[in-house]
Amino acid sequence: MVLRLLFAPITGLAWIAEQIQERADTELDDKENLHKRLLTLQLAFDMGDISEEDFEEQEEELLLAIQALDDEQRRLAAEASDSE
């Protein structure tokens, strides 16, 4: 019991680090998928499968989603550095 209390801060920090790592991994997967969708969209436009208007609309949505993930990543990194 005493050892548990002594190591509680370390255990807590390790848990926080694991949570941040899990979220970062998920966001990287999400970001990679968004980049793949963006490439697919570009190819569809280049092949003439979609109109320029549709391309621009979908491209903007994907770029905003990528930006949101980047912003979240920076926020998490700032929070992690603040808690140290």
C-alpha atoms as a PDB file:
ATOM      1  CA  MET A   1       0.000   0.000   0.000  1.00  0.00           C
ATOM      2  CA  VAL A   2       2.794   2.434   0.871  1.00  0.00           C
ATOM      3  CA  LEU A   3       4.673   1.597  -2.312  1.00  0.00           C
ATOM      4  CA  ARG A   4       1.510   2.176  -4.268  1.00  0.00           C
ATOM      5  CA  LEU A   5       1.188   5.653  -2.797  1.00  0.00           C
ATOM      6  CA  LEU A   6       4.829   6.416  -3.449  1.00  0.00           C
ATOM      7  CA  PHE A   7       4.605   5.417  -7.089  1.00  0.00           C
ATOM      8  CA  ALA A   8       1.182   6.979  -7.755  1.00  0.00           C
ATOM      9  CA  PRO A   9       2.584  10.125  -9.438  1.00  0.00           C
ATOM     10  CA  ILE A  10       4.781   8.041 -11.720  1.00  0.00           C
ATOM     11  CA  THR A  11       1.948   5.666 -12.524  1.00  0.00           C
ATOM     12  CA  GLY A  12      -0.319   8.615 -13.248  1.00  0.00           C
ATOM     13  CA  LEU A  13       2.200  10.202 -15.613  1.00  0.00           C
ATOM     14  CA  ALA A  14       2.715   6.889 -17.383  1.00  0.00           C
ATOM     15  CA  TRP A  15      -1.051   6.540 -17.854  1.00  0.00           C
ATOM     16  CA  ILE A  16      -1.291  10.079 -19.268  1.00  0.00           C
ATOM     17  CA  ALA A  17       1.595   9.350 -21.646  1.00  0.00           C
ATOM     18  CA  GLU A  18      -0.133   6.173 -22.841  1.00  0.00           C
ATOM     19  CA  GLN A  19      -3.375   8.076 -23.473  1.00  0.00           C
ATOM     20  CA  ILE A  20      -1.550  10.750 -25.454  1.00  0.00           C
ATOM     21  CA  GLN A  21       0.273   8.098 -27.471  1.00  0.00           C
ATOM     22  CA  GLU A  22      -2.982   6.278 -28.270  1.00  0.00           C
ATOM     23  CA  ARG A  23      -4.631   9.496 -29.428  1.00  0.00           C
ATOM     24  CA  ALA A  24      -1.597  10.461 -31.496  1.00  0.00           C
ATOM     25  CA  ASP A  25      -1.550   7.045 -33.189  1.00  0.00           C
ATOM     26  CA  THR A  26      -5.257   7.303 -33.965  1.00  0.00           C
ATOM     27  CA  GLU A  27      -4.847  10.802 -35.328  1.00  0.00           C
ATOM     28  CA  LEU A  28      -1.907   9.741 -37.500  1.00  0.00           C
ATOM     29  CA  ASP A  29      -4.026   6.928 -38.934  1.00  0.00           C
ATOM     30  CA  ASP A  30      -6.876   9.379 -39.513  1.00  0.00           C
ATOM     31  CA  LYS A  31      -4.515  11.877 -41.106  1.00  0.00           C
ATOM     32  CA  GLU A  32      -3.015   9.226 -43.365  1.00  0.00           C
ATOM     33  CA  ASN A  33      -6.502   8.191 -44.472  1.00  0.00           C
ATOM     34  CA  LEU A  34      -7.419  11.796 -45.189  1.00  0.00           C
ATOM     35  CA  HIS A  35      -4.280  12.224 -47.297  1.00  0.00           C
ATOM     36  CA  LYS A  36      -5.169   9.050 -49.221  1.00  0.00           C
ATOM     37  CA  ARG A  37      -8.679  10.367 -49.823  1.00  0.00           C
ATOM     38  CA  LEU A  38      -7.207  13.658 -51.023  1.00  0.00           C
ATOM     39  CA  LEU A  39      -4.934  11.834 -53.470  1.00  0.00           C
ATOM     40  CA  THR A  40      -7.853   9.729 -54.723  1.00  0.00           C
ATOM     41  CA  LEU A  41      -9.895  12.875 -55.183  1.00  0.00           C
ATOM     42  CA  GLN A  42      -7.074  14.499 -57.157  1.00  0.00           C
ATOM     43  CA  LEU A  43      -6.797  11.449 -59.389  1.00  0.00           C
ATOM     44  CA  ALA A  44     -10.560  11.410 -59.989  1.00  0.00           C
ATOM     45  CA  PHE A  45     -10.439  15.068 -60.983  1.00  0.00           C
ATOM     46  CA  ASP A  46      -7.416  14.532 -63.241  1.00  0.00           C
ATOM     47  CA  MET A  47      -9.202  11.648 -64.963  1.00  0.00           C
ATOM     48  CA  GLY A  48     -12.295  13.812 -65.495  1.00  0.00           C
ATOM     49  CA  ASP A  49     -14.503  11.694 -63.223  1.00  0.00           C
ATOM     50  CA  ILE A  50     -15.650  14.681 -61.148  1.00  0.00           C
ATOM     51  CA  SER A  51     -16.268  18.318 -61.932  1.00  0.00           C
ATOM     52  CA  GLU A  52     -13.969  21.101 -60.797  1.00  0.00           C
ATOM     53  CA  GLU A  53     -16.712  22.411 -58.487  1.00  0.00           C
ATOM     54  CA  ASP A  54     -17.112  19.016 -56.788  1.00  0.00           C
ATOM     55  CA  PHE A  55     -13.345  18.641 -56.542  1.00  0.00           C
ATOM     56  CA  GLU A  56     -12.885  22.037 -54.881  1.00  0.00           C
ATOM     57  CA  GLU A  57     -15.728  21.413 -52.431  1.00  0.00           C
ATOM     58  CA  GLN A  58     -14.452  17.988 -51.380  1.00  0.00           C
ATOM     59  CA  GLU A  59     -10.841  19.155 -51.333  1.00  0.00           C
ATOM     60  CA  GLU A  60     -11.717  21.975 -48.959  1.00  0.00           C
ATOM     61  CA  GLU A  61     -13.511  19.558 -46.607  1.00  0.00           C
ATOM     62  CA  LEU A  62     -10.516  17.211 -46.553  1.00  0.00           C
ATOM     63  CA  LEU A  63      -8.002  20.008 -46.023  1.00  0.00           C
ATOM     64  CA  LEU A  64     -10.088  21.402 -43.152  1.00  0.00           C
ATOM     65  CA  ALA A  65     -10.221  17.950 -41.562  1.00  0.00           C
ATOM     66  CA  ILE A  66      -6.437  17.599 -41.874  1.00  0.00           C
ATOM     67  CA  GLN A  67      -5.982  21.066 -40.359  1.00  0.00           C
ATOM     68  CA  ALA A  68      -8.273  20.153 -37.456  1.00  0.00           C
ATOM     69  CA  LEU A  69      -6.176  17.063 -36.729  1.00  0.00           C
ATOM     70  CA  ASP A  70      -2.984  19.137 -36.846  1.00  0.00           C
ATOM     71  CA  ASP A  71      -4.498  21.684 -34.460  1.00  0.00           C
ATOM     72  CA  GLU A  72      -5.557  18.918 -32.064  1.00  0.00           C
ATOM     73  CA  GLN A  73      -2.071  17.426 -32.177  1.00  0.00           C
ATOM     74  CA  ARG A  74      -0.497  20.786 -31.319  1.00  0.00           C
ATOM     75  CA  ARG A  75      -2.999  21.280 -28.487  1.00  0.00           C
ATOM     76  CA  LEU A  76      -2.179  17.879 -27.015  1.00  0.00           C
ATOM     77  CA  ALA A  77       1.540  18.527 -27.277  1.00  0.00           C
ATOM     78  CA  ALA A  78       1.110  21.872 -25.528  1.00  0.00           C
ATOM     79  CA  GLU A  79      -0.936  20.259 -22.753  1.00  0.00           C
ATOM     80  CA  ALA A  80       1.686  17.545 -22.310  1.00  0.00           C
ATOM     81  CA  SER A  81       4.492  20.087 -22.032  1.00  0.00           C
ATOM     82  CA  ASP A  82       2.442  22.203 -19.606  1.00  0.00           C
ATOM     83  CA  SER A  83       1.878  19.248 -17.295  1.00  0.00           C
ATOM     84  CA  GLU A  84       5.606  18.502 -16.990  1.00  0.00           C
END
